[in-house]
Amino acid sequence: MKKSLIALAVLGTSFAASAQVTLSGRGVLEVGQWQATGATAGPAADFRARTRVVDVGSRVALSVNEDLGGGLRAFVMCETGINIDNGSSTGQANTNNANTTSWCSREGHVGIGNRTVEIRGGRQNVWWTQGPLNVIGARWSAGDAITDLLTGGVGQYTVRGENMILLQAGPGTGAFAGSQAYMGFMGASGHLNPASPIGAGQDNGEAVGPNNSAKGKYQGLKVAYSQGALMGSFDMQTSDTGIQTPATAVTGSRTERSAWKLGAGYRFSGTKSPNTISIQYVERERTVTTAAGAATKGEENVVALVGLYRLKGGWQLNGSYGRASDRKDNNVTVANSGATSYGLGVVKVLSNRTHAQFQYRVVENKAAGGYGLNGGNYSGGAAAAGADSRAWGLGVTHLF
């Protein structure tokens, strides 16, 4: 149950009559097994099967909403990831999970808007991998095939970007509600001293240390469509880290990315709780240019299918399939660098807020492929080239 409190009780301010604070979130825990075996380098590079109790994206969200009159509202959102398996910010690989490090680690923004458009600033989701076309990983399972493949390989810059300004179409835009246009500043992300790299979501939008570039930036848009039985989306995103100034003592590099995704889906057997099926296609490019001027351009594509079918008695079946092509470097195919991913799930809906689920997921890499099961707290380690990742789990999700 969502718990709404008058802002006076929480903040002690004079706008209590119109501002509202809402606490919500979800807890997801799974008992199961994970492994990544069959590495091209041999058994020494494998992760043998291990049974574990694992958190799967639990979080707490605090939101503030104030009605400003005339259809205008102001709002704040702070969503913080939590690890209820071990109570820390580290995941199953004992490495830091950036989505559970601090307040608003998953998402944090301040905004103002109406039913037509909202303007938001902060760390925000741009949902390359989720939305109506892919409800499995967002709600009903521990993950899905398309997310596994979109978080590896050449990669787009982000699905959750920092230091962002975002415009989002509101419910008054009808079938196009949820469409977005955004831009953000990554500061020195990805091209500092290799001995102390900074990744997406870990910098503050400024260069760190003297003589480092602060020109890193990214931008993108999503055109979403949902009307009756039909749904679709078009996403695109570009990013450019810039490059350190030539005078710096640290060798710098510049990384430029571009990616686009086209998807379509269909709802059937009702509109309140429909079955869904969707297909998505992605193309991505990444060009890395060293300070000396040498450039490597990598290219790949991903295709994915997602389906959800509801049975009687609160039972549901879901499935996902994805294929990543062999990568091309400077237009030359890197042999056996692709992968195939699929997942199957069974869900028992216990109430509007609670369900139990069983899921089985596999990523099958070719000899030079290095994809793995996504999630900052899920995998027990980074799969070596050629290793196939497998996981099964039985868990419970509770929304509040």
Protein backbone atom coordinates (compact mmCIF):
# COMPACT_ATOMS: atom_id res chain seq x y z
CA MET A 1 0.00 0.00 0.00
CA LYS A 2 1.31 3.44 -0.89
CA LYS A 3 1.50 5.70 2.12
CA SER A 4 0.73 9.37 1.43
CA LEU A 5 1.57 11.89 4.13
CA ILE A 6 0.75 15.59 4.42
CA ALA A 7 3.98 17.46 3.78
CA LEU A 8 3.66 19.33 7.10
CA ALA A 9 4.25 16.09 8.97
CA VAL A 10 7.38 15.35 6.95
CA LEU A 11 8.84 18.74 6.13
CA GLY A 12 7.23 21.09 8.63
CA THR A 13 6.58 23.82 6.08
CA SER A 14 3.71 26.14 5.35
CA PHE A 15 2.67 24.58 2.05
CA ALA A 16 1.32 21.47 3.75
CA ALA A 17 -2.20 21.96 2.45
CA SER A 18 -1.29 21.36 -1.19
CA ALA A 19 1.97 19.38 -1.19
CA GLN A 20 2.00 15.63 -0.75
CA VAL A 21 4.79 13.19 0.00
CA THR A 22 4.46 9.59 -1.17
CA LEU A 23 6.59 6.65 -0.10
CA SER A 24 6.60 3.64 -2.43
CA GLY A 25 8.91 0.96 -3.72
CA ARG A 26 9.36 -2.75 -4.14
CA GLY A 27 11.20 -5.65 -2.61
CA VAL A 28 12.31 -8.55 -4.83
CA LEU A 29 14.26 -11.54 -3.58
CA GLU A 30 15.18 -14.71 -5.42
CA VAL A 31 16.67 -18.03 -4.35
CA GLY A 32 18.41 -19.79 -7.20
CA GLN A 33 21.60 -20.61 -9.03
CA TRP A 34 23.96 -18.80 -11.42
CA GLN A 35 26.96 -19.90 -13.47
CA ALA A 36 29.09 -18.81 -16.45
CA THR A 37 30.92 -21.76 -17.95
CA GLY A 38 32.45 -22.89 -21.25
CA ALA A 39 34.90 -19.97 -21.58
CA THR A 40 37.10 -20.00 -24.65
CA ALA A 41 40.14 -19.66 -22.37
CA GLY A 42 39.24 -22.89 -20.62
CA PRO A 43 37.82 -24.01 -17.25
CA ALA A 44 40.15 -21.69 -15.30
CA ALA A 45 38.11 -18.74 -16.60
CA ASP A 46 34.73 -20.27 -15.69
CA PHE A 47 32.44 -19.38 -12.82
CA ARG A 48 31.16 -22.66 -11.47
CA ALA A 49 27.52 -22.96 -10.44
CA ARG A 50 26.71 -21.34 -7.12
CA THR A 51 23.45 -21.23 -5.20
CA ARG A 52 22.58 -17.86 -3.71
CA VAL A 53 19.92 -15.64 -2.21
CA VAL A 54 19.92 -12.53 -4.39
CA ASP A 55 18.19 -9.17 -4.42
CA VAL A 56 16.72 -8.31 -7.84
CA GLY A 57 16.29 -4.56 -8.11
CA SER A 58 14.65 -3.68 -4.80
CA ARG A 59 14.16 0.03 -4.21
CA VAL A 60 12.50 2.72 -2.12
CA ALA A 61 11.07 5.85 -3.78
CA LEU A 62 10.17 9.16 -2.18
CA SER A 63 8.15 11.60 -4.26
CA VAL A 64 6.79 15.08 -3.54
CA ASN A 65 3.99 16.64 -5.56
CA GLU A 66 2.46 20.12 -5.21
CA ASP A 67 -0.56 21.41 -7.12
CA LEU A 68 0.27 24.95 -8.25
CA GLY A 69 -3.17 25.58 -9.74
CA GLY A 70 -4.21 26.07 -13.34
CA GLY A 71 -3.18 22.50 -14.20
CA LEU A 72 0.45 23.15 -13.20
CA ARG A 73 2.35 21.06 -10.68
CA ALA A 74 5.83 20.91 -9.15
CA PHE A 75 7.42 17.62 -8.13
CA VAL A 76 10.48 15.83 -6.79
CA MET A 77 11.41 12.16 -7.20
CA CYS A 78 14.15 10.29 -5.35
CA GLU A 79 14.40 6.54 -6.01
CA THR A 80 17.09 4.68 -4.08
CA GLY A 81 18.19 1.12 -4.75
CA ILE A 82 18.57 -1.20 -1.78
CA ASN A 83 20.18 -4.60 -1.42
CA ILE A 84 18.01 -6.64 0.91
CA ASP A 85 20.16 -9.74 0.41
CA ASN A 86 23.24 -8.38 2.21
CA GLY A 87 22.36 -4.87 3.40
CA SER A 88 25.26 -3.20 1.58
CA SER A 89 25.99 -1.52 -1.75
CA THR A 90 27.80 -4.54 -3.19
CA GLY A 91 26.24 -7.22 -5.34
CA GLN A 92 26.81 -10.92 -5.85
CA ALA A 93 30.26 -10.36 -7.37
CA ASN A 94 31.27 -8.33 -4.28
CA THR A 95 31.66 -5.30 -6.52
CA ASN A 96 29.98 -1.95 -6.06
CA ASN A 97 26.45 -1.66 -7.45
CA ALA A 98 26.15 1.98 -8.53
CA ASN A 99 22.36 1.83 -8.24
CA THR A 100 22.53 1.27 -4.47
CA THR A 101 25.33 3.59 -3.40
CA SER A 102 23.42 6.59 -2.03
CA TRP A 103 20.15 8.50 -1.94
CA CYS A 104 18.57 8.85 -5.41
CA SER A 105 21.04 6.27 -6.75
CA ARG A 106 18.46 4.90 -9.20
CA GLU A 107 16.73 8.13 -10.13
CA GLY A 108 16.47 11.67 -8.77
CA HIS A 109 14.89 14.68 -10.40
CA VAL A 110 13.08 17.94 -9.77
CA GLY A 111 10.47 19.18 -12.23
CA ILE A 112 7.51 21.34 -13.12
CA GLY A 113 4.83 20.77 -15.73
CA ASN A 114 1.24 20.13 -16.70
CA ARG A 115 -0.71 17.46 -18.54
CA THR A 116 0.97 18.37 -21.82
CA VAL A 117 4.65 18.53 -20.95
CA GLU A 118 7.00 18.30 -17.98
CA ILE A 119 10.54 19.63 -17.67
CA ARG A 120 12.79 17.68 -15.33
CA GLY A 121 16.38 18.00 -14.18
CA GLY A 122 18.58 15.35 -12.54
CA ARG A 123 19.53 11.67 -12.84
CA GLN A 124 16.77 10.00 -14.83
CA ASN A 125 15.66 6.88 -16.65
CA VAL A 126 15.39 7.08 -20.42
CA TRP A 127 14.11 3.50 -20.65
CA TRP A 128 15.93 2.16 -23.65
CA THR A 129 15.11 -1.32 -22.46
CA GLN A 130 11.74 -1.07 -20.74
CA GLY A 131 8.29 0.43 -21.26
CA PRO A 132 5.08 -1.07 -22.71
CA LEU A 133 7.02 -3.08 -25.29
CA ASN A 134 8.89 -4.94 -22.57
CA VAL A 135 6.95 -5.43 -19.35
CA ILE A 136 8.82 -8.55 -18.28
CA GLY A 137 12.01 -7.17 -16.78
CA ALA A 138 10.22 -4.10 -15.48
CA ARG A 139 7.73 -6.03 -13.37
CA TRP A 140 7.36 -9.76 -13.78
CA SER A 141 10.80 -11.38 -13.78
CA ALA A 142 14.43 -11.00 -12.76
CA GLY A 143 15.39 -9.84 -16.24
CA ASP A 144 14.92 -10.42 -19.93
CA ALA A 145 16.85 -11.24 -23.08
CA ILE A 146 16.85 -7.78 -24.65
CA THR A 147 18.17 -6.09 -21.50
CA ASP A 148 20.96 -8.66 -21.23
CA LEU A 149 22.16 -7.88 -24.74
CA LEU A 150 21.66 -4.10 -24.60
CA THR A 151 23.85 -3.78 -21.51
CA GLY A 152 26.82 -5.45 -23.25
CA GLY A 153 28.68 -5.22 -26.53
CA VAL A 154 29.25 -1.85 -28.19
CA GLY A 155 26.59 -0.33 -25.97
CA GLN A 156 24.74 2.96 -25.90
CA TYR A 157 25.98 5.52 -23.36
CA THR A 158 23.22 5.15 -20.81
CA VAL A 159 19.73 3.96 -19.94
CA ARG A 160 19.82 6.07 -16.77
CA GLY A 161 21.71 9.30 -17.30
CA GLU A 162 23.18 11.80 -14.87
CA ASN A 163 23.10 15.62 -14.97
CA MET A 164 20.17 15.52 -17.38
CA ILE A 165 17.57 17.98 -18.62
CA LEU A 166 14.52 16.11 -19.93
CA LEU A 167 11.21 17.04 -21.52
CA GLN A 168 8.48 14.42 -21.18
CA ALA A 169 5.09 14.36 -22.88
CA GLY A 170 2.29 14.16 -20.30
CA PRO A 171 -1.03 12.30 -20.33
CA GLY A 172 -2.65 15.15 -22.24
CA THR A 173 -0.73 14.11 -25.36
CA GLY A 174 -2.80 10.94 -25.67
CA ALA A 175 -1.20 8.08 -27.55
CA PHE A 176 2.22 9.80 -27.42
CA ALA A 177 2.36 10.20 -23.63
CA GLY A 178 5.75 9.22 -22.27
CA SER A 179 7.71 10.50 -25.26
CA GLN A 180 10.98 12.19 -24.25
CA ALA A 181 13.72 14.51 -25.44
CA TYR A 182 16.79 14.93 -23.26
CA MET A 183 20.39 16.07 -22.99
CA GLY A 184 23.00 15.65 -20.29
CA PHE A 185 26.57 16.37 -19.30
CA MET A 186 28.97 13.61 -18.39
CA GLY A 187 31.97 15.78 -17.52
CA ALA A 188 35.13 13.70 -17.73
CA SER A 189 33.38 10.30 -17.79
CA GLY A 190 35.26 7.55 -19.54
CA HIS A 191 38.46 9.35 -20.47
CA LEU A 192 40.41 10.15 -17.35
CA ASN A 193 43.54 8.46 -16.17
CA PRO A 194 42.96 4.72 -16.85
CA ALA A 195 44.25 4.04 -13.34
CA SER A 196 41.24 5.87 -11.88
CA PRO A 197 38.41 5.77 -14.44
CA ILE A 198 35.03 7.36 -13.85
CA GLY A 199 31.94 5.84 -15.40
CA ALA A 200 28.44 7.00 -16.22
CA GLY A 201 26.54 8.12 -13.14
CA GLN A 202 29.65 8.45 -10.96
CA ASP A 203 30.89 11.90 -11.92
CA ASN A 204 29.42 15.33 -11.22
CA GLY A 205 29.45 16.87 -14.68
CA GLU A 206 32.77 18.65 -14.21
CA ALA A 207 36.32 17.71 -15.13
CA VAL A 208 38.18 16.08 -12.25
CA GLY A 209 41.68 17.42 -11.71
CA PRO A 210 43.57 20.06 -13.69
CA ASN A 211 43.78 20.03 -17.47
CA ASN A 212 40.97 17.50 -17.98
CA SER A 213 38.18 18.01 -20.51
CA ALA A 214 34.68 18.81 -19.26
CA LYS A 215 33.11 18.60 -22.72
CA GLY A 216 31.46 15.20 -22.35
CA LYS A 217 27.77 15.27 -23.27
CA TYR A 218 24.92 13.08 -24.49
CA GLN A 219 21.46 13.59 -25.96
CA GLY A 220 18.54 11.54 -27.18
CA LEU A 221 14.83 11.20 -27.73
CA LYS A 222 12.03 8.67 -27.52
CA VAL A 223 8.84 8.79 -29.55
CA ALA A 224 6.38 6.51 -27.74
CA TYR A 225 2.99 5.38 -29.05
CA SER A 226 0.27 3.44 -27.23
CA GLN A 227 -3.32 3.34 -28.43
CA GLY A 228 -5.71 0.45 -28.00
CA ALA A 229 -4.12 -2.79 -29.15
CA LEU A 230 -1.10 -1.12 -30.78
CA MET A 231 2.10 0.17 -29.22
CA GLY A 232 5.44 1.25 -30.57
CA SER A 233 8.51 3.39 -29.96
CA PHE A 234 11.50 4.91 -31.67
CA ASP A 235 14.59 5.71 -29.57
CA MET A 236 17.85 7.35 -30.53
CA GLN A 237 20.84 8.47 -28.49
CA THR A 238 24.25 9.98 -29.21
CA SER A 239 27.15 10.77 -26.88
CA ASP A 240 30.64 12.24 -27.06
CA THR A 241 33.14 12.17 -24.19
CA GLY A 242 35.32 14.88 -25.76
CA ILE A 243 39.06 14.48 -25.29
CA GLN A 244 41.62 15.66 -22.78
CA THR A 245 43.63 18.69 -23.83
CA PRO A 246 46.82 17.77 -25.71
CA ALA A 247 49.01 19.31 -23.02
CA THR A 248 47.93 16.85 -20.35
CA ALA A 249 50.45 14.35 -19.13
CA VAL A 250 47.82 11.61 -19.22
CA THR A 251 47.07 10.06 -22.58
CA GLY A 252 43.45 10.75 -23.43
CA SER A 253 40.92 9.27 -25.81
CA ARG A 254 37.56 10.24 -27.22
CA THR A 255 34.54 7.94 -27.36
CA GLU A 256 31.59 8.75 -29.61
CA ARG A 257 28.46 6.61 -29.61
CA SER A 258 25.24 6.56 -31.58
CA ALA A 259 22.35 4.14 -31.30
CA TRP A 260 18.75 3.80 -32.38
CA LYS A 261 15.97 1.34 -31.59
CA LEU A 262 12.66 0.68 -33.34
CA GLY A 263 9.95 -1.41 -31.73
CA ALA A 264 6.34 -2.45 -32.27
CA GLY A 265 3.92 -4.45 -30.17
CA TYR A 266 0.39 -5.77 -30.02
CA ARG A 267 -2.02 -6.32 -27.10
CA PHE A 268 -4.66 -8.99 -27.37
CA SER A 269 -7.41 -10.65 -25.30
CA GLY A 270 -8.54 -7.49 -23.55
CA THR A 271 -7.15 -4.09 -22.67
CA LYS A 272 -7.33 -4.04 -18.83
CA SER A 273 -4.88 -6.92 -18.37
CA PRO A 274 -3.92 -7.86 -21.92
CA ASN A 275 -1.50 -10.35 -23.31
CA THR A 276 1.33 -8.70 -25.22
CA ILE A 277 3.87 -9.52 -27.90
CA SER A 278 6.54 -7.19 -29.27
CA ILE A 279 9.61 -7.04 -31.49
CA GLN A 280 12.51 -4.59 -31.24
CA TYR A 281 15.51 -3.89 -33.45
CA VAL A 282 18.62 -1.96 -32.39
CA GLU A 283 21.69 -0.66 -34.20
CA ARG A 284 24.67 0.77 -32.30
CA GLU A 285 28.05 2.31 -33.16
CA ARG A 286 31.02 3.27 -31.01
CA THR A 287 34.14 5.08 -32.22
CA VAL A 288 37.15 5.35 -29.93
CA THR A 289 39.84 7.81 -31.02
CA THR A 290 43.15 7.94 -29.15
CA ALA A 291 45.05 11.17 -28.51
CA ALA A 292 47.41 10.08 -31.28
CA GLY A 293 44.50 10.05 -33.76
CA ALA A 294 44.02 6.30 -34.25
CA ALA A 295 40.30 5.41 -34.41
CA THR A 296 38.39 2.15 -34.04
CA LYS A 297 34.74 2.07 -35.04
CA GLY A 298 32.66 -0.79 -33.68
CA GLU A 299 29.18 -1.67 -34.99
CA GLU A 300 26.53 -4.23 -34.05
CA ASN A 301 22.81 -4.87 -34.11
CA VAL A 302 20.39 -6.61 -31.77
CA VAL A 303 16.94 -8.06 -32.45
CA ALA A 304 14.59 -9.18 -29.67
CA LEU A 305 11.14 -10.69 -29.14
CA VAL A 306 9.14 -10.39 -25.90
CA GLY A 307 5.83 -12.02 -24.98
CA LEU A 308 3.48 -12.21 -21.99
CA TYR A 309 0.47 -14.54 -21.80
CA ARG A 310 -2.03 -14.58 -18.94
CA LEU A 311 -3.71 -17.83 -17.91
CA LYS A 312 -6.65 -18.42 -15.59
CA GLY A 313 -6.26 -18.36 -11.83
CA GLY A 314 -3.64 -15.61 -11.75
CA TRP A 315 -0.98 -17.58 -13.63
CA GLN A 316 1.18 -15.96 -16.32
CA LEU A 317 3.81 -17.15 -18.76
CA ASN A 318 6.48 -14.89 -20.21
CA GLY A 319 9.34 -15.31 -22.62
CA SER A 320 12.04 -13.29 -24.33
CA TYR A 321 14.57 -13.95 -27.06
CA GLY A 322 17.44 -11.82 -28.30
CA ARG A 323 20.29 -12.08 -30.80
CA ALA A 324 23.34 -9.83 -31.00
CA SER A 325 25.20 -9.87 -34.30
CA ASP A 326 28.93 -10.34 -34.65
CA ARG A 327 30.61 -6.98 -34.09
CA LYS A 328 32.34 -5.13 -36.91
CA ASP A 329 35.51 -3.16 -36.17
CA ASN A 330 36.36 -0.67 -38.91
CA ASN A 331 33.99 -2.58 -41.22
CA VAL A 332 35.74 -5.90 -40.60
CA THR A 333 33.65 -8.60 -38.92
CA VAL A 334 35.04 -9.86 -35.63
CA ALA A 335 34.35 -13.56 -36.00
CA ASN A 336 32.18 -15.23 -33.36
CA SER A 337 31.69 -12.08 -31.25
CA GLY A 338 27.88 -12.27 -31.07
CA ALA A 339 25.51 -13.96 -28.66
CA THR A 340 22.00 -15.32 -28.23
CA SER A 341 19.90 -14.78 -25.13
CA TYR A 342 16.56 -16.15 -24.00
CA GLY A 343 14.46 -16.32 -20.89
CA LEU A 344 11.33 -18.15 -19.71
CA GLY A 345 9.21 -17.29 -16.71
CA VAL A 346 6.17 -18.47 -14.76
CA VAL A 347 4.33 -16.00 -12.50
CA LYS A 348 1.60 -16.53 -9.93
CA VAL A 349 -0.22 -13.31 -9.11
CA LEU A 350 -1.13 -13.40 -5.42
CA SER A 351 -2.57 -9.87 -5.17
CA ASN A 352 -2.32 -6.48 -6.87
CA ARG A 353 0.93 -5.92 -4.99
CA THR A 354 2.50 -9.36 -4.59
CA HIS A 355 3.46 -12.16 -6.95
CA ALA A 356 5.71 -15.20 -6.95
CA GLN A 357 7.87 -16.01 -9.96
CA PHE A 358 10.13 -18.68 -11.38
CA GLN A 359 12.54 -17.74 -14.16
CA TYR A 360 15.24 -19.39 -16.25
CA ARG A 361 17.66 -17.28 -18.29
CA VAL A 362 20.53 -18.12 -20.63
CA VAL A 363 23.09 -16.08 -22.55
CA GLU A 364 24.95 -18.23 -25.09
CA ASN A 365 28.10 -16.51 -26.32
CA LYS A 366 30.03 -17.39 -29.41
CA ALA A 367 33.76 -18.00 -28.89
CA ALA A 368 34.62 -14.27 -28.80
CA GLY A 369 31.35 -13.03 -27.29
CA GLY A 370 31.40 -11.50 -23.83
CA TYR A 371 27.77 -10.85 -22.92
CA GLY A 372 26.34 -11.74 -19.52
CA LEU A 373 23.20 -11.57 -17.43
CA ASN A 374 22.59 -7.91 -16.67
CA GLY A 375 22.19 -6.23 -13.32
CA GLY A 376 24.62 -4.54 -10.98
CA ASN A 377 23.78 -6.95 -8.16
CA TYR A 378 22.76 -10.08 -10.06
CA SER A 379 25.71 -11.84 -11.72
CA GLY A 380 28.43 -13.44 -9.61
CA GLY A 381 31.11 -12.09 -11.97
CA ALA A 382 31.83 -10.82 -15.48
CA ALA A 383 31.53 -13.72 -17.91
CA ALA A 384 34.71 -14.47 -19.85
CA ALA A 385 34.68 -14.56 -23.65
CA GLY A 386 32.81 -17.59 -24.90
CA ALA A 387 31.27 -18.46 -21.53
CA ASP A 388 27.55 -19.19 -21.41
CA SER A 389 25.69 -17.64 -18.48
CA ARG A 390 22.77 -19.54 -16.96
CA ALA A 391 20.54 -18.75 -14.03
CA TRP A 392 17.35 -19.98 -12.50
CA GLY A 393 15.52 -18.56 -9.57
CA LEU A 394 12.37 -18.78 -7.49
CA GLY A 395 11.35 -15.50 -5.93
CA VAL A 396 8.75 -13.14 -4.57
CA THR A 397 8.01 -9.52 -5.54
CA HIS A 398 6.15 -7.18 -3.23
CA LEU A 399 5.14 -3.67 -4.35
CA PHE A 400 4.26 -1.04 -1.78
